[in-house]
C-alpha atoms as a PDB file:
ATOM      1  CA  MET A   1     -37.575 -51.570 -24.034  1.00  0.00           C
ATOM      2  CA  GLY A   2     -40.912 -49.878 -24.818  1.00  0.00           C
ATOM      3  CA  ASN A   3     -42.630 -47.544 -22.376  1.00  0.00           C
ATOM      4  CA  SER A   4     -46.176 -48.892 -23.089  1.00  0.00           C
ATOM      5  CA  ARG A   5     -47.899 -49.890 -19.924  1.00  0.00           C
ATOM      6  CA  PRO A   6     -49.515 -53.404 -19.739  1.00  0.00           C
ATOM      7  CA  LEU A   7     -52.790 -54.379 -20.864  1.00  0.00           C
ATOM      8  CA  LEU A   8     -53.916 -55.301 -17.426  1.00  0.00           C
ATOM      9  CA  ASN A   9     -53.439 -54.798 -14.005  1.00  0.00           C
ATOM     10  CA  ASP A  10     -51.328 -57.755 -11.915  1.00  0.00           C
ATOM     11  CA  THR A  11     -54.942 -58.457  -9.964  1.00  0.00           C
ATOM     12  CA  LEU A  12     -56.610 -58.601 -13.135  1.00  0.00           C
ATOM     13  CA  TYR A  13     -53.651 -60.386 -14.791  1.00  0.00           C
ATOM     14  CA  ASN A  14     -53.551 -62.931 -11.633  1.00  0.00           C
ATOM     15  CA  PHE A  15     -57.454 -63.695 -11.792  1.00  0.00           C
ATOM     16  CA  LEU A  16     -57.916 -63.995 -15.394  1.00  0.00           C
ATOM     17  CA  LYS A  17     -54.749 -66.457 -15.676  1.00  0.00           C
ATOM     18  CA  LEU A  18     -56.210 -68.458 -12.747  1.00  0.00           C
ATOM     19  CA  LEU A  19     -59.832 -68.641 -14.533  1.00  0.00           C
ATOM     20  CA  SER A  20     -58.133 -69.338 -18.166  1.00  0.00           C
ATOM     21  CA  THR A  21     -55.539 -72.030 -16.769  1.00  0.00           C
ATOM     22  CA  MET A  22     -57.807 -73.923 -13.846  1.00  0.00           C
ATOM     23  CA  ILE A  23     -61.501 -72.781 -13.296  1.00  0.00           C
ATOM     24  CA  LEU A  24     -62.951 -72.800 -16.522  1.00  0.00           C
ATOM     25  CA  PRO A  25     -61.111 -75.840 -18.203  1.00  0.00           C
ATOM     26  CA  GLY A  26     -62.320 -77.531 -15.035  1.00  0.00           C
ATOM     27  CA  LEU A  27     -65.554 -76.061 -15.110  1.00  0.00           C
ATOM     28  CA  GLY A  28     -66.206 -77.358 -18.776  1.00  0.00           C
ATOM     29  CA  THR A  29     -64.329 -80.951 -17.721  1.00  0.00           C
ATOM     30  CA  LEU A  30     -67.027 -81.252 -15.186  1.00  0.00           C
ATOM     31  CA  TYR A  31     -69.861 -80.698 -16.801  1.00  0.00           C
ATOM     32  CA  PHE A  32     -69.017 -82.244 -19.883  1.00  0.00           C
ATOM     33  CA  THR A  33     -68.909 -85.416 -17.507  1.00  0.00           C
ATOM     34  CA  LEU A  34     -71.804 -84.820 -15.256  1.00  0.00           C
ATOM     35  CA  ALA A  35     -73.680 -84.171 -18.593  1.00  0.00           C
ATOM     36  CA  GLY A  36     -72.612 -87.625 -19.576  1.00  0.00           C
ATOM     37  CA  LEU A  37     -73.673 -89.299 -16.550  1.00  0.00           C
ATOM     38  CA  TRP A  38     -76.748 -87.463 -15.397  1.00  0.00           C
ATOM     39  CA  ASN A  39     -78.188 -86.904 -19.457  1.00  0.00           C
ATOM     40  CA  LEU A  40     -78.114 -82.909 -18.929  1.00  0.00           C
ATOM     41  CA  PRO A  41     -78.464 -80.789 -21.340  1.00  0.00           C
ATOM     42  CA  ASN A  42     -76.523 -79.046 -24.231  1.00  0.00           C
ATOM     43  CA  ALA A  43     -73.027 -80.792 -23.333  1.00  0.00           C
ATOM     44  CA  GLU A  44     -71.584 -79.892 -26.281  1.00  0.00           C
ATOM     45  CA  GLN A  45     -72.862 -76.181 -27.294  1.00  0.00           C
ATOM     46  CA  THR A  46     -71.527 -75.554 -22.943  1.00  0.00           C
ATOM     47  CA  VAL A  47     -68.289 -77.155 -23.380  1.00  0.00           C
ATOM     48  CA  GLY A  48     -67.822 -75.405 -26.661  1.00  0.00           C
ATOM     49  CA  SER A  49     -68.990 -72.050 -25.524  1.00  0.00           C
ATOM     50  CA  ILE A  50     -66.575 -72.600 -22.358  1.00  0.00           C
ATOM     51  CA  ALA A  51     -63.647 -73.429 -24.620  1.00  0.00           C
ATOM     52  CA  ALA A  52     -64.221 -70.438 -26.674  1.00  0.00           C
ATOM     53  CA  LEU A  53     -64.351 -67.860 -24.383  1.00  0.00           C
ATOM     54  CA  ASN A  54     -61.358 -69.423 -22.197  1.00  0.00           C
ATOM     55  CA  VAL A  55     -59.264 -69.247 -25.853  1.00  0.00           C
ATOM     56  CA  PHE A  56     -60.551 -65.355 -25.794  1.00  0.00           C
ATOM     57  CA  LEU A  57     -58.881 -64.969 -22.287  1.00  0.00           C
ATOM     58  CA  GLY A  58     -56.068 -66.857 -22.850  1.00  0.00           C
ATOM     59  CA  VAL A  59     -55.417 -64.413 -25.570  1.00  0.00           C
ATOM     60  CA  LEU A  60     -56.021 -61.673 -23.651  1.00  0.00           C
ATOM     61  CA  VAL A  61     -53.533 -63.193 -20.955  1.00  0.00           C
ATOM     62  CA  ASN A  62     -50.950 -63.540 -23.658  1.00  0.00           C
ATOM     63  CA  VAL A  63     -50.954 -59.913 -25.012  1.00  0.00           C
ATOM     64  CA  SER A  64     -51.149 -58.514 -21.542  1.00  0.00           C
ATOM     65  CA  SER A  65     -47.953 -60.589 -20.933  1.00  0.00           C
ATOM     66  CA  ARG A  66     -46.128 -59.520 -23.864  1.00  0.00           C
ATOM     67  CA  THR A  67     -46.586 -56.088 -22.827  1.00  0.00           C
ATOM     68  CA  TYR A  68     -46.010 -56.400 -19.454  1.00  0.00           C
ATOM     69  CA  HIS A  69     -42.522 -57.852 -20.574  1.00  0.00           C
ATOM     70  CA  ASN A  70     -41.919 -54.883 -23.202  1.00  0.00           C
ATOM     71  CA  SER A  71     -42.504 -52.053 -20.554  1.00  0.00           C
ATOM     72  CA  ASP A  72     -40.853 -50.378 -18.141  1.00  0.00           C
ATOM     73  CA  GLN A  73     -43.319 -51.542 -15.493  1.00  0.00           C
ATOM     74  CA  ARG A  74     -41.777 -54.467 -14.835  1.00  0.00           C
ATOM     75  CA  TYR A  75     -38.503 -53.139 -13.447  1.00  0.00           C
ATOM     76  CA  ASP A  76     -37.955 -52.580  -9.702  1.00  0.00           C
ATOM     77  CA  GLY A  77     -35.719 -49.214 -10.631  1.00  0.00           C
ATOM     78  CA  SER A  78     -32.477 -48.942 -12.898  1.00  0.00           C
ATOM     79  CA  ILE A  79     -28.846 -48.736 -12.673  1.00  0.00           C
ATOM     80  CA  ALA A  80     -27.298 -45.945 -14.126  1.00  0.00           C
ATOM     81  CA  LEU A  81     -23.539 -45.646 -15.281  1.00  0.00           C
ATOM     82  CA  ILE A  82     -22.040 -42.599 -15.033  1.00  0.00           C
ATOM     83  CA  GLU A  83     -18.683 -42.180 -16.831  1.00  0.00           C
ATOM     84  CA  ASP A  84     -16.488 -38.905 -15.692  1.00  0.00           C
ATOM     85  CA  PRO A  85     -14.975 -37.649 -18.725  1.00  0.00           C
ATOM     86  CA  ASN A  86     -11.994 -36.048 -16.971  1.00  0.00           C
ATOM     87  CA  THR A  87     -10.414 -39.431 -15.368  1.00  0.00           C
ATOM     88  CA  GLY A  88     -12.686 -42.202 -17.202  1.00  0.00           C
ATOM     89  CA  LYS A  89     -13.909 -43.235 -13.495  1.00  0.00           C
ATOM     90  CA  ARG A  90     -16.987 -44.649 -13.369  1.00  0.00           C
ATOM     91  CA  THR A  91     -19.512 -44.647 -11.627  1.00  0.00           C
ATOM     92  CA  TYR A  92     -23.006 -46.696 -10.856  1.00  0.00           C
ATOM     93  CA  THR A  93     -25.802 -45.198  -9.525  1.00  0.00           C
ATOM     94  CA  LEU A  94     -28.717 -47.025  -7.908  1.00  0.00           C
ATOM     95  CA  GLU A  95     -32.460 -45.318  -9.323  1.00  0.00           C
ATOM     96  CA  LEU A  96     -35.608 -47.058  -7.138  1.00  0.00           C
ATOM     97  CA  ASN A  97     -39.261 -46.778  -8.287  1.00  0.00           C
ATOM     98  CA  GLY A  98     -41.406 -46.295  -5.190  1.00  0.00           C
ATOM     99  CA  ASN A  99     -39.954 -46.414  -1.575  1.00  0.00           C
ATOM    100  CA  PRO A 100     -36.850 -47.669  -0.766  1.00  0.00           C
ATOM    101  CA  ASP A 101     -38.392 -48.847   2.666  1.00  0.00           C
ATOM    102  CA  ASP A 102     -39.761 -51.502   0.666  1.00  0.00           C
ATOM    103  CA  LEU A 103     -36.834 -53.591  -0.619  1.00  0.00           C
ATOM    104  CA  GLU A 104     -36.611 -55.325   2.805  1.00  0.00           C
ATOM    105  CA  PHE A 105     -40.254 -57.104   2.254  1.00  0.00           C
ATOM    106  CA  MET A 106     -38.965 -58.206  -1.563  1.00  0.00           C
ATOM    107  CA  ASP A 107     -37.766 -61.271  -2.468  1.00  0.00           C
ATOM    108  CA  GLU A 108     -36.427 -60.387  -6.029  1.00  0.00           C
ATOM    109  CA  VAL A 109     -35.656 -57.296  -7.144  1.00  0.00           C
ATOM    110  CA  LEU A 110     -35.267 -56.370 -10.918  1.00  0.00           C
ATOM    111  CA  PHE A 111     -33.228 -53.495 -12.370  1.00  0.00           C
ATOM    112  CA  ARG A 112     -32.527 -52.427 -15.952  1.00  0.00           C
ATOM    113  CA  MET A 113     -29.075 -50.572 -16.737  1.00  0.00           C
ATOM    114  CA  LYS A 114     -29.293 -47.151 -17.897  1.00  0.00           C
ATOM    115  CA  LYS A 115     -26.379 -46.286 -20.508  1.00  0.00           C
END
């Protein structure tokens, strides 16, 4: 796994994802429909501009998602395998990122294996 940081923080990522998957498509559809019913100006230009912005935000969200999944930030910690060279006995240690007391509030925990 890479050590690069995600492009966007969680709050901004979630907002842009909501904007690009729900709000902008809904707004474009609403304006296009109302423009046809009420003869509002520049329906094609307005909806085309919204669509172009939406595609750009979709690319931004996608790139951020890929950098997140290629980073170590998505892990809550790691599991390290330690093997005693004399006995061959294997021990696993759990290394948490952050406060261990936060575990009780989490529904899922994701660890990476350290070798």
